[in-house]
Amino acid sequence: MRNLSFALLAAVGVASPAFAADPAPLVQPPAAAVQPPQKDAIQKDLDRVVCKPREATGSRLPSAKVCRTQREWNLMEIENRRTLEKAQDNRGYKTN
């Protein structure tokens, strides 16, 4: 009797961790639908005026603010990046 109860407890003890863990659900709940930003909101962001400080190199005078729309700042950044990449691509080549 004692051996039977010990065997029963051992079998239940070994099997219980396998039954205790919840298996991952087979069907995942749908993710919350993410709405893309509306075009009006994007246009308003691009037309928003942004002021950035501009410091003159080597000057002890206080810096000045430069105000432009976000669209203008973006275009300036793209143009600066293109100019830099073009200068890096042409580095080492002599033009006559």
PDB file of N, CA and C in Angstrom:
ATOM      1  N   MET A   1       0.834  -1.185   0.000  1.00  0.00           N
ATOM      2  CA  MET A   1       0.000   0.000   0.000  1.00  0.00           C
ATOM      3  C   MET A   1       0.878   1.247   0.000  1.00  0.00           C
ATOM      4  N   ARG A   2       1.898   1.169   0.856  1.00  0.00           N
ATOM      5  CA  ARG A   2       2.805   2.305   0.944  1.00  0.00           C
ATOM      6  C   ARG A   2       3.525   2.509  -0.391  1.00  0.00           C
ATOM      7  N   ASN A   3       3.951   1.449  -1.044  1.00  0.00           N
ATOM      8  CA  ASN A   3       4.635   1.550  -2.333  1.00  0.00           C
ATOM      9  C   ASN A   3       3.705   2.094  -3.408  1.00  0.00           C
ATOM     10  N   LEU A   4       2.457   1.691  -3.350  1.00  0.00           N
ATOM     11  CA  LEU A   4       1.473   2.154  -4.328  1.00  0.00           C
ATOM     12  C   LEU A   4       1.222   3.655  -4.182  1.00  0.00           C
ATOM     13  N   SER A   5       1.066   4.125  -2.944  1.00  0.00           N
ATOM     14  CA  SER A   5       0.833   5.555  -2.734  1.00  0.00           C
ATOM     15  C   SER A   5       2.073   6.377  -3.098  1.00  0.00           C
ATOM     16  N   PHE A   6       3.264   5.813  -2.808  1.00  0.00           N
ATOM     17  CA  PHE A   6       4.494   6.515  -3.183  1.00  0.00           C
ATOM     18  C   PHE A   6       4.607   6.617  -4.705  1.00  0.00           C
ATOM     19  N   ALA A   7       4.291   5.556  -5.408  1.00  0.00           N
ATOM     20  CA  ALA A   7       4.350   5.554  -6.875  1.00  0.00           C
ATOM     21  C   ALA A   7       3.335   6.532  -7.454  1.00  0.00           C
ATOM     22  N   LEU A   8       2.148   6.569  -6.840  1.00  0.00           N
ATOM     23  CA  LEU A   8       1.107   7.487  -7.310  1.00  0.00           C
ATOM     24  C   LEU A   8       1.530   8.941  -7.104  1.00  0.00           C
ATOM     25  N   LEU A   9       2.080   9.249  -5.940  1.00  0.00           N
ATOM     26  CA  LEU A   9       2.558  10.612  -5.661  1.00  0.00           C
ATOM     27  C   LEU A   9       3.716  10.997  -6.570  1.00  0.00           C
ATOM     28  N   ALA A  10       4.611  10.080  -6.841  1.00  0.00           N
ATOM     29  CA  ALA A  10       5.745  10.351  -7.723  1.00  0.00           C
ATOM     30  C   ALA A  10       5.251  10.640  -9.141  1.00  0.00           C
ATOM     31  N   ALA A  11       4.286   9.859  -9.598  1.00  0.00           N
ATOM     32  CA  ALA A  11       3.759  10.065 -10.951  1.00  0.00           C
ATOM     33  C   ALA A  11       3.045  11.398 -11.060  1.00  0.00           C
ATOM     34  N   VAL A  12       2.274  11.764 -10.060  1.00  0.00           N
ATOM     35  CA  VAL A  12       1.567  13.040 -10.068  1.00  0.00           C
ATOM     36  C   VAL A  12       2.560  14.188  -9.943  1.00  0.00           C
ATOM     37  N   GLY A  13       3.576  14.039  -9.128  1.00  0.00           N
ATOM     38  CA  GLY A  13       4.584  15.081  -8.944  1.00  0.00           C
ATOM     39  C   GLY A  13       5.382  15.347 -10.198  1.00  0.00           C
ATOM     40  N   VAL A  14       5.689  14.313 -10.945  1.00  0.00           N
ATOM     41  CA  VAL A  14       6.447  14.473 -12.188  1.00  0.00           C
ATOM     42  C   VAL A  14       5.571  15.091 -13.273  1.00  0.00           C
ATOM     43  N   ALA A  15       4.330  14.714 -13.342  1.00  0.00           N
ATOM     44  CA  ALA A  15       3.441  15.171 -14.410  1.00  0.00           C
ATOM     45  C   ALA A  15       2.841  16.542 -14.126  1.00  0.00           C
ATOM     46  N   SER A  16       2.785  16.963 -12.865  1.00  0.00           N
ATOM     47  CA  SER A  16       2.095  18.210 -12.544  1.00  0.00           C
ATOM     48  C   SER A  16       2.727  19.449 -13.166  1.00  0.00           C
ATOM     49  N   PRO A  17       4.073  19.576 -13.271  1.00  0.00           N
ATOM     50  CA  PRO A  17       4.590  20.783 -13.933  1.00  0.00           C
ATOM     51  C   PRO A  17       4.167  20.893 -15.396  1.00  0.00           C
ATOM     52  N   ALA A  18       4.024  19.772 -16.067  1.00  0.00           N
ATOM     53  CA  ALA A  18       3.612  19.809 -17.470  1.00  0.00           C
ATOM     54  C   ALA A  18       2.171  20.278 -17.596  1.00  0.00           C
ATOM     55  N   PHE A  19       1.322  19.919 -16.644  1.00  0.00           N
ATOM     56  CA  PHE A  19      -0.070  20.321 -16.701  1.00  0.00           C
ATOM     57  C   PHE A  19      -0.279  21.724 -16.133  1.00  0.00           C
ATOM     58  N   ALA A  20       0.626  22.173 -15.283  1.00  0.00           N
ATOM     59  CA  ALA A  20       0.447  23.470 -14.642  1.00  0.00           C
ATOM     60  C   ALA A  20       0.706  24.616 -15.607  1.00  0.00           C
ATOM     61  N   ALA A  21       1.632  24.436 -16.526  1.00  0.00           N
ATOM     62  CA  ALA A  21       1.965  25.524 -17.453  1.00  0.00           C
ATOM     63  C   ALA A  21       0.844  25.698 -18.466  1.00  0.00           C
ATOM     64  N   ASP A  22       0.423  26.939 -18.663  1.00  0.00           N
ATOM     65  CA  ASP A  22      -0.601  27.231 -19.657  1.00  0.00           C
ATOM     66  C   ASP A  22       0.049  27.237 -21.033  1.00  0.00           C
ATOM     67  N   PRO A  23      -0.473  26.480 -21.949  1.00  0.00           N
ATOM     68  CA  PRO A  23       0.095  26.514 -23.297  1.00  0.00           C
ATOM     69  C   PRO A  23      -0.223  27.853 -23.961  1.00  0.00           C
ATOM     70  N   ALA A  24       0.605  28.246 -24.890  1.00  0.00           N
ATOM     71  CA  ALA A  24       0.378  29.490 -25.617  1.00  0.00           C
ATOM     72  C   ALA A  24      -0.926  29.360 -26.401  1.00  0.00           C
ATOM     73  N   PRO A  25      -1.732  30.409 -26.424  1.00  0.00           N
ATOM     74  CA  PRO A  25      -2.978  30.326 -27.177  1.00  0.00           C
ATOM     75  C   PRO A  25      -2.700  30.134 -28.666  1.00  0.00           C
ATOM     76  N   LEU A  26      -3.525  29.320 -29.292  1.00  0.00           N
ATOM     77  CA  LEU A  26      -3.330  29.042 -30.705  1.00  0.00           C
ATOM     78  C   LEU A  26      -3.724  30.222 -31.576  1.00  0.00           C
ATOM     79  N   VAL A  27      -4.674  30.995 -31.122  1.00  0.00           N
ATOM     80  CA  VAL A  27      -5.139  32.149 -31.890  1.00  0.00           C
ATOM     81  C   VAL A  27      -4.779  33.405 -31.116  1.00  0.00           C
ATOM     82  N   GLN A  28      -3.981  34.252 -31.712  1.00  0.00           N
ATOM     83  CA  GLN A  28      -3.600  35.495 -31.070  1.00  0.00           C
ATOM     84  C   GLN A  28      -4.725  36.510 -31.236  1.00  0.00           C
ATOM     85  N   PRO A  29      -5.000  37.296 -30.194  1.00  0.00           N
ATOM     86  CA  PRO A  29      -6.027  38.331 -30.348  1.00  0.00           C
ATOM     87  C   PRO A  29      -5.556  39.371 -31.365  1.00  0.00           C
ATOM     88  N   PRO A  30      -6.466  39.948 -32.121  1.00  0.00           N
ATOM     89  CA  PRO A  30      -6.056  40.926 -33.127  1.00  0.00           C
ATOM     90  C   PRO A  30      -5.425  42.145 -32.468  1.00  0.00           C
ATOM     91  N   ALA A  31      -4.368  42.632 -33.088  1.00  0.00           N
ATOM     92  CA  ALA A  31      -3.706  43.831 -32.576  1.00  0.00           C
ATOM     93  C   ALA A  31      -4.627  45.021 -32.779  1.00  0.00           C
ATOM     94  N   ALA A  32      -4.494  45.974 -31.891  1.00  0.00           N
ATOM     95  CA  ALA A  32      -5.312  47.182 -32.012  1.00  0.00           C
ATOM     96  C   ALA A  32      -4.981  47.858 -33.340  1.00  0.00           C
ATOM     97  N   ALA A  33      -5.992  48.230 -34.050  1.00  0.00           N
ATOM     98  CA  ALA A  33      -5.791  48.873 -35.348  1.00  0.00           C
ATOM     99  C   ALA A  33      -5.148  50.236 -35.131  1.00  0.00           C
ATOM    100  N   VAL A  34      -4.016  50.436 -35.758  1.00  0.00           N
ATOM    101  CA  VAL A  34      -3.311  51.702 -35.633  1.00  0.00           C
ATOM    102  C   VAL A  34      -3.702  52.566 -36.823  1.00  0.00           C
ATOM    103  N   GLN A  35      -4.261  53.695 -36.517  1.00  0.00           N
ATOM    104  CA  GLN A  35      -4.688  54.607 -37.570  1.00  0.00           C
ATOM    105  C   GLN A  35      -3.492  55.447 -38.023  1.00  0.00           C
ATOM    106  N   PRO A  36      -3.230  55.514 -39.323  1.00  0.00           N
ATOM    107  CA  PRO A  36      -2.151  56.382 -39.794  1.00  0.00           C
ATOM    108  C   PRO A  36      -2.543  57.839 -39.567  1.00  0.00           C
ATOM    109  N   PRO A  37      -1.554  58.711 -39.404  1.00  0.00           N
ATOM    110  CA  PRO A  37      -1.897  60.115 -39.203  1.00  0.00           C
ATOM    111  C   PRO A  37      -2.642  60.667 -40.416  1.00  0.00           C
ATOM    112  N   GLN A  38      -3.553  61.527 -40.148  1.00  0.00           N
ATOM    113  CA  GLN A  38      -4.345  62.128 -41.215  1.00  0.00           C
ATOM    114  C   GLN A  38      -3.495  63.124 -42.002  1.00  0.00           C
ATOM    115  N   LYS A  39      -3.816  63.314 -43.274  1.00  0.00           N
ATOM    116  CA  LYS A  39      -3.047  64.232 -44.116  1.00  0.00           C
ATOM    117  C   LYS A  39      -3.118  65.661 -43.597  1.00  0.00           C
ATOM    118  N   ASP A  40      -4.247  66.027 -43.051  1.00  0.00           N
ATOM    119  CA  ASP A  40      -4.377  67.379 -42.516  1.00  0.00           C
ATOM    120  C   ASP A  40      -3.399  67.598 -41.379  1.00  0.00           C
ATOM    121  N   ALA A  41      -3.229  66.591 -40.511  1.00  0.00           N
ATOM    122  CA  ALA A  41      -2.301  66.710 -39.389  1.00  0.00           C
ATOM    123  C   ALA A  41      -0.872  66.793 -39.888  1.00  0.00           C
ATOM    124  N   ILE A  42      -0.545  66.027 -40.917  1.00  0.00           N
ATOM    125  CA  ILE A  42       0.803  66.070 -41.476  1.00  0.00           C
ATOM    126  C   ILE A  42       1.069  67.432 -42.093  1.00  0.00           C
ATOM    127  N   GLN A  43       0.108  67.958 -42.841  1.00  0.00           N
ATOM    128  CA  GLN A  43       0.265  69.266 -43.469  1.00  0.00           C
ATOM    129  C   GLN A  43       0.446  70.348 -42.409  1.00  0.00           C
ATOM    130  N   LYS A  44      -0.321  70.256 -41.324  1.00  0.00           N
ATOM    131  CA  LYS A  44      -0.192  71.257 -40.264  1.00  0.00           C
ATOM    132  C   LYS A  44       1.182  71.187 -39.621  1.00  0.00           C
ATOM    133  N   ASP A  45       1.719  69.960 -39.442  1.00  0.00           N
ATOM    134  CA  ASP A  45       3.055  69.819 -38.865  1.00  0.00           C
ATOM    135  C   ASP A  45       4.117  70.424 -39.783  1.00  0.00           C
ATOM    136  N   LEU A  46       3.955  70.240 -41.088  1.00  0.00           N
ATOM    137  CA  LEU A  46       4.949  70.776 -42.028  1.00  0.00           C
ATOM    138  C   LEU A  46       4.863  72.291 -42.136  1.00  0.00           C
ATOM    139  N   ASP A  47       3.702  72.859 -41.887  1.00  0.00           N
ATOM    140  CA  ASP A  47       3.535  74.301 -41.983  1.00  0.00           C
ATOM    141  C   ASP A  47       3.782  75.019 -40.657  1.00  0.00           C
ATOM    142  N   ARG A  48       4.094  74.254 -39.622  1.00  0.00           N
ATOM    143  CA  ARG A  48       4.361  74.829 -38.296  1.00  0.00           C
ATOM    144  C   ARG A  48       5.715  75.544 -38.331  1.00  0.00           C
ATOM    145  N   VAL A  49       5.783  76.731 -37.757  1.00  0.00           N
ATOM    146  CA  VAL A  49       7.024  77.512 -37.729  1.00  0.00           C
ATOM    147  C   VAL A  49       7.868  77.031 -36.558  1.00  0.00           C
ATOM    148  N   VAL A  50       9.145  76.736 -36.870  1.00  0.00           N
ATOM    149  CA  VAL A  50      10.092  76.260 -35.858  1.00  0.00           C
ATOM    150  C   VAL A  50      11.267  77.222 -35.845  1.00  0.00           C
ATOM    151  N   CYS A  51      11.623  77.696 -34.653  1.00  0.00           N
ATOM    152  CA  CYS A  51      12.764  78.593 -34.502  1.00  0.00           C
ATOM    153  C   CYS A  51      13.916  77.823 -33.870  1.00  0.00           C
ATOM    154  N   LYS A  52      15.112  77.970 -34.473  1.00  0.00           N
ATOM    155  CA  LYS A  52      16.305  77.299 -33.960  1.00  0.00           C
ATOM    156  C   LYS A  52      17.388  78.346 -33.737  1.00  0.00           C
ATOM    157  N   PRO A  53      18.187  78.179 -32.682  1.00  0.00           N
ATOM    158  CA  PRO A  53      19.274  79.131 -32.459  1.00  0.00           C
ATOM    159  C   PRO A  53      20.391  78.925 -33.486  1.00  0.00           C
ATOM    160  N   ARG A  54      20.986  80.032 -33.910  1.00  0.00           N
ATOM    161  CA  ARG A  54      22.088  79.959 -34.864  1.00  0.00           C
ATOM    162  C   ARG A  54      23.247  80.745 -34.295  1.00  0.00           C
ATOM    163  N   GLU A  55      24.318  80.036 -33.992  1.00  0.00           N
ATOM    164  CA  GLU A  55      25.486  80.680 -33.412  1.00  0.00           C
ATOM    165  C   GLU A  55      26.534  80.903 -34.487  1.00  0.00           C
ATOM    166  N   ALA A  56      27.106  82.094 -34.482  1.00  0.00           N
ATOM    167  CA  ALA A  56      28.178  82.406 -35.412  1.00  0.00           C
ATOM    168  C   ALA A  56      29.472  81.830 -34.851  1.00  0.00           C
ATOM    169  N   THR A  57      30.194  81.099 -35.654  1.00  0.00           N
ATOM    170  CA  THR A  57      31.435  80.489 -35.215  1.00  0.00           C
ATOM    171  C   THR A  57      32.473  81.560 -34.930  1.00  0.00           C
ATOM    172  N   GLY A  58      33.084  81.489 -33.768  1.00  0.00           N
ATOM    173  CA  GLY A  58      34.142  82.427 -33.407  1.00  0.00           C
ATOM    174  C   GLY A  58      33.634  83.765 -32.918  1.00  0.00           C
ATOM    175  N   SER A  59      32.356  83.902 -32.692  1.00  0.00           N
ATOM    176  CA  SER A  59      31.807  85.171 -32.257  1.00  0.00           C
ATOM    177  C   SER A  59      31.464  85.103 -30.770  1.00  0.00           C
ATOM    178  N   ARG A  60      31.661  86.223 -30.095  1.00  0.00           N
ATOM    179  CA  ARG A  60      31.266  86.290 -28.695  1.00  0.00           C
ATOM    180  C   ARG A  60      29.878  86.912 -28.549  1.00  0.00           C
ATOM    181  N   LEU A  61      29.322  87.322 -29.636  1.00  0.00           N
ATOM    182  CA  LEU A  61      27.990  87.920 -29.604  1.00  0.00           C
ATOM    183  C   LEU A  61      26.939  86.838 -29.395  1.00  0.00           C
ATOM    184  N   PRO A  62      25.820  87.211 -28.805  1.00  0.00           N
ATOM    185  CA  PRO A  62      24.779  86.203 -28.595  1.00  0.00           C
ATOM    186  C   PRO A  62      24.260  85.649 -29.914  1.00  0.00           C
ATOM    187  N   SER A  63      23.744  84.457 -29.838  1.00  0.00           N
ATOM    188  CA  SER A  63      23.247  83.813 -31.051  1.00  0.00           C
ATOM    189  C   SER A  63      21.912  84.432 -31.465  1.00  0.00           C
ATOM    190  N   ALA A  64      21.600  84.251 -32.724  1.00  0.00           N
ATOM    191  CA  ALA A  64      20.334  84.746 -33.264  1.00  0.00           C
ATOM    192  C   ALA A  64      19.417  83.558 -33.528  1.00  0.00           C
ATOM    193  N   LYS A  65      18.136  83.816 -33.576  1.00  0.00           N
ATOM    194  CA  LYS A  65      17.170  82.770 -33.889  1.00  0.00           C
ATOM    195  C   LYS A  65      16.825  82.835 -35.359  1.00  0.00           C
ATOM    196  N   VAL A  66      16.726  81.664 -35.962  1.00  0.00           N
ATOM    197  CA  VAL A  66      16.284  81.556 -37.350  1.00  0.00           C
ATOM    198  C   VAL A  66      14.974  80.790 -37.338  1.00  0.00           C
ATOM    199  N   CYS A  67      13.938  81.408 -37.889  1.00  0.00           N
ATOM    200  CA  CYS A  67      12.609  80.787 -37.893  1.00  0.00           C
ATOM    201  C   CYS A  67      12.207  80.432 -39.317  1.00  0.00           C
ATOM    202  N   ARG A  68      11.822  79.179 -39.494  1.00  0.00           N
ATOM    203  CA  ARG A  68      11.351  78.685 -40.785  1.00  0.00           C
ATOM    204  C   ARG A  68      10.275  77.643 -40.515  1.00  0.00           C
ATOM    205  N   THR A  69       9.545  77.280 -41.571  1.00  0.00           N
ATOM    206  CA  THR A  69       8.558  76.212 -41.402  1.00  0.00           C
ATOM    207  C   THR A  69       9.287  74.871 -41.346  1.00  0.00           C
ATOM    208  N   GLN A  70       8.619  73.874 -40.799  1.00  0.00           N
ATOM    209  CA  GLN A  70       9.226  72.542 -40.711  1.00  0.00           C
ATOM    210  C   GLN A  70       9.531  72.009 -42.099  1.00  0.00           C
ATOM    211  N   ARG A  71       8.696  72.335 -43.068  1.00  0.00           N
ATOM    212  CA  ARG A  71       8.930  71.910 -44.450  1.00  0.00           C
ATOM    213  C   ARG A  71      10.255  72.493 -44.970  1.00  0.00           C
ATOM    214  N   GLU A  72      10.522  73.774 -44.696  1.00  0.00           N
ATOM    215  CA  GLU A  72      11.767  74.404 -45.136  1.00  0.00           C
ATOM    216  C   GLU A  72      12.978  73.785 -44.439  1.00  0.00           C
ATOM    217  N   TRP A  73      12.858  73.511 -43.123  1.00  0.00           N
ATOM    218  CA  TRP A  73      13.966  72.859 -42.407  1.00  0.00           C
ATOM    219  C   TRP A  73      14.246  71.486 -43.011  1.00  0.00           C
ATOM    220  N   ASN A  74      13.202  70.725 -43.327  1.00  0.00           N
ATOM    221  CA  ASN A  74      13.381  69.398 -43.924  1.00  0.00           C
ATOM    222  C   ASN A  74      14.078  69.490 -45.278  1.00  0.00           C
ATOM    223  N   LEU A  75      13.656  70.434 -46.117  1.00  0.00           N
ATOM    224  CA  LEU A  75      14.278  70.596 -47.434  1.00  0.00           C
ATOM    225  C   LEU A  75      15.746  71.008 -47.305  1.00  0.00           C
ATOM    226  N   MET A  76      16.048  71.881 -46.345  1.00  0.00           N
ATOM    227  CA  MET A  76      17.438  72.296 -46.136  1.00  0.00           C
ATOM    228  C   MET A  76      18.297  71.112 -45.680  1.00  0.00           C
ATOM    229  N   GLU A  77      17.739  70.281 -44.811  1.00  0.00           N
ATOM    230  CA  GLU A  77      18.478  69.109 -44.334  1.00  0.00           C
ATOM    231  C   GLU A  77      18.755  68.130 -45.473  1.00  0.00           C
ATOM    232  N   ILE A  78      17.763  67.902 -46.327  1.00  0.00           N
ATOM    233  CA  ILE A  78      17.936  67.007 -47.474  1.00  0.00           C
ATOM    234  C   ILE A  78      19.000  67.562 -48.414  1.00  0.00           C
ATOM    235  N   GLU A  79      18.944  68.864 -48.698  1.00  0.00           N
ATOM    236  CA  GLU A  79      19.921  69.479 -49.596  1.00  0.00           C
ATOM    237  C   GLU A  79      21.325  69.425 -49.001  1.00  0.00           C
ATOM    238  N   ASN A  80      21.455  69.682 -47.713  1.00  0.00           N
ATOM    239  CA  ASN A  80      22.767  69.611 -47.060  1.00  0.00           C
ATOM    240  C   ASN A  80      23.325  68.190 -47.117  1.00  0.00           C
ATOM    241  N   ARG A  81      22.460  67.208 -46.913  1.00  0.00           N
ATOM    242  CA  ARG A  81      22.903  65.809 -46.972  1.00  0.00           C
ATOM    243  C   ARG A  81      23.361  65.451 -48.377  1.00  0.00           C
ATOM    244  N   ARG A  82      22.617  65.893 -49.396  1.00  0.00           N
ATOM    245  CA  ARG A  82      23.013  65.620 -50.786  1.00  0.00           C
ATOM    246  C   ARG A  82      24.351  66.268 -51.111  1.00  0.00           C
ATOM    247  N   THR A  83      24.532  67.500 -50.671  1.00  0.00           N
ATOM    248  CA  THR A  83      25.789  68.195 -50.934  1.00  0.00           C
ATOM    249  C   THR A  83      26.957  67.472 -50.266  1.00  0.00           C
ATOM    250  N   LEU A  84      26.783  67.044 -49.033  1.00  0.00           N
ATOM    251  CA  LEU A  84      27.827  66.329 -48.315  1.00  0.00           C
ATOM    252  C   LEU A  84      28.148  65.006 -48.997  1.00  0.00           C
ATOM    253  N   GLU A  85      27.122  64.250 -49.381  1.00  0.00           N
ATOM    254  CA  GLU A  85      27.349  62.969 -50.042  1.00  0.00           C
ATOM    255  C   GLU A  85      28.041  63.166 -51.389  1.00  0.00           C
ATOM    256  N   LYS A  86      27.669  64.213 -52.114  1.00  0.00           N
ATOM    257  CA  LYS A  86      28.303  64.491 -53.401  1.00  0.00           C
ATOM    258  C   LYS A  86      29.775  64.832 -53.201  1.00  0.00           C
ATOM    259  N   ALA A  87      30.090  65.634 -52.181  1.00  0.00           N
ATOM    260  CA  ALA A  87      31.481  65.989 -51.902  1.00  0.00           C
ATOM    261  C   ALA A  87      32.273  64.747 -51.490  1.00  0.00           C
ATOM    262  N   GLN A  88      31.664  63.842 -50.725  1.00  0.00           N
ATOM    263  CA  GLN A  88      32.357  62.629 -50.317  1.00  0.00           C
ATOM    264  C   GLN A  88      32.556  61.677 -51.489  1.00  0.00           C
ATOM    265  N   ASP A  89      31.592  61.625 -52.401  1.00  0.00           N
ATOM    266  CA  ASP A  89      31.732  60.758 -53.583  1.00  0.00           C
ATOM    267  C   ASP A  89      32.820  61.262 -54.508  1.00  0.00           C
ATOM    268  N   ASN A  90      32.976  62.582 -54.646  1.00  0.00           N
ATOM    269  CA  ASN A  90      33.943  63.154 -55.571  1.00  0.00           C
ATOM    270  C   ASN A  90      35.329  63.314 -54.948  1.00  0.00           C
ATOM    271  N   ARG A  91      35.493  62.957 -53.693  1.00  0.00           N
ATOM    272  CA  ARG A  91      36.764  63.115 -53.012  1.00  0.00           C
ATOM    273  C   ARG A  91      37.809  62.224 -53.688  1.00  0.00           C
ATOM    274  N   GLY A  92      38.952  62.808 -54.002  1.00  0.00           N
ATOM    275  CA  GLY A  92      40.032  62.055 -54.607  1.00  0.00           C
ATOM    276  C   GLY A  92      40.049  62.097 -56.126  1.00  0.00           C
ATOM    277  N   TYR A  93      38.993  62.596 -56.734  1.00  0.00           N
ATOM    278  CA  TYR A  93      38.952  62.697 -58.189  1.00  0.00           C
ATOM    279  C   TYR A  93      39.343  64.103 -58.607  1.00  0.00           C
ATOM    280  N   LYS A  94      40.179  64.197 -59.619  1.00  0.00           N
ATOM    281  CA  LYS A  94      40.551  65.512 -60.141  1.00  0.00           C
ATOM    282  C   LYS A  94      39.660  65.821 -61.337  1.00  0.00           C
ATOM    283  N   THR A  95      39.150  67.019 -61.329  1.00  0.00           N
ATOM    284  CA  THR A  95      38.334  67.463 -62.466  1.00  0.00           C
ATOM    285  C   THR A  95      39.119  68.523 -63.225  1.00  0.00           C
ATOM    286  N   ASN A  96      39.098  68.434 -64.507  1.00  0.00           N
ATOM    287  CA  ASN A  96      39.819  69.416 -65.337  1.00  0.00           C
ATOM    288  C   ASN A  96      38.880  70.322 -66.041  1.00  0.00           C
TER     289      ASN A  96
END
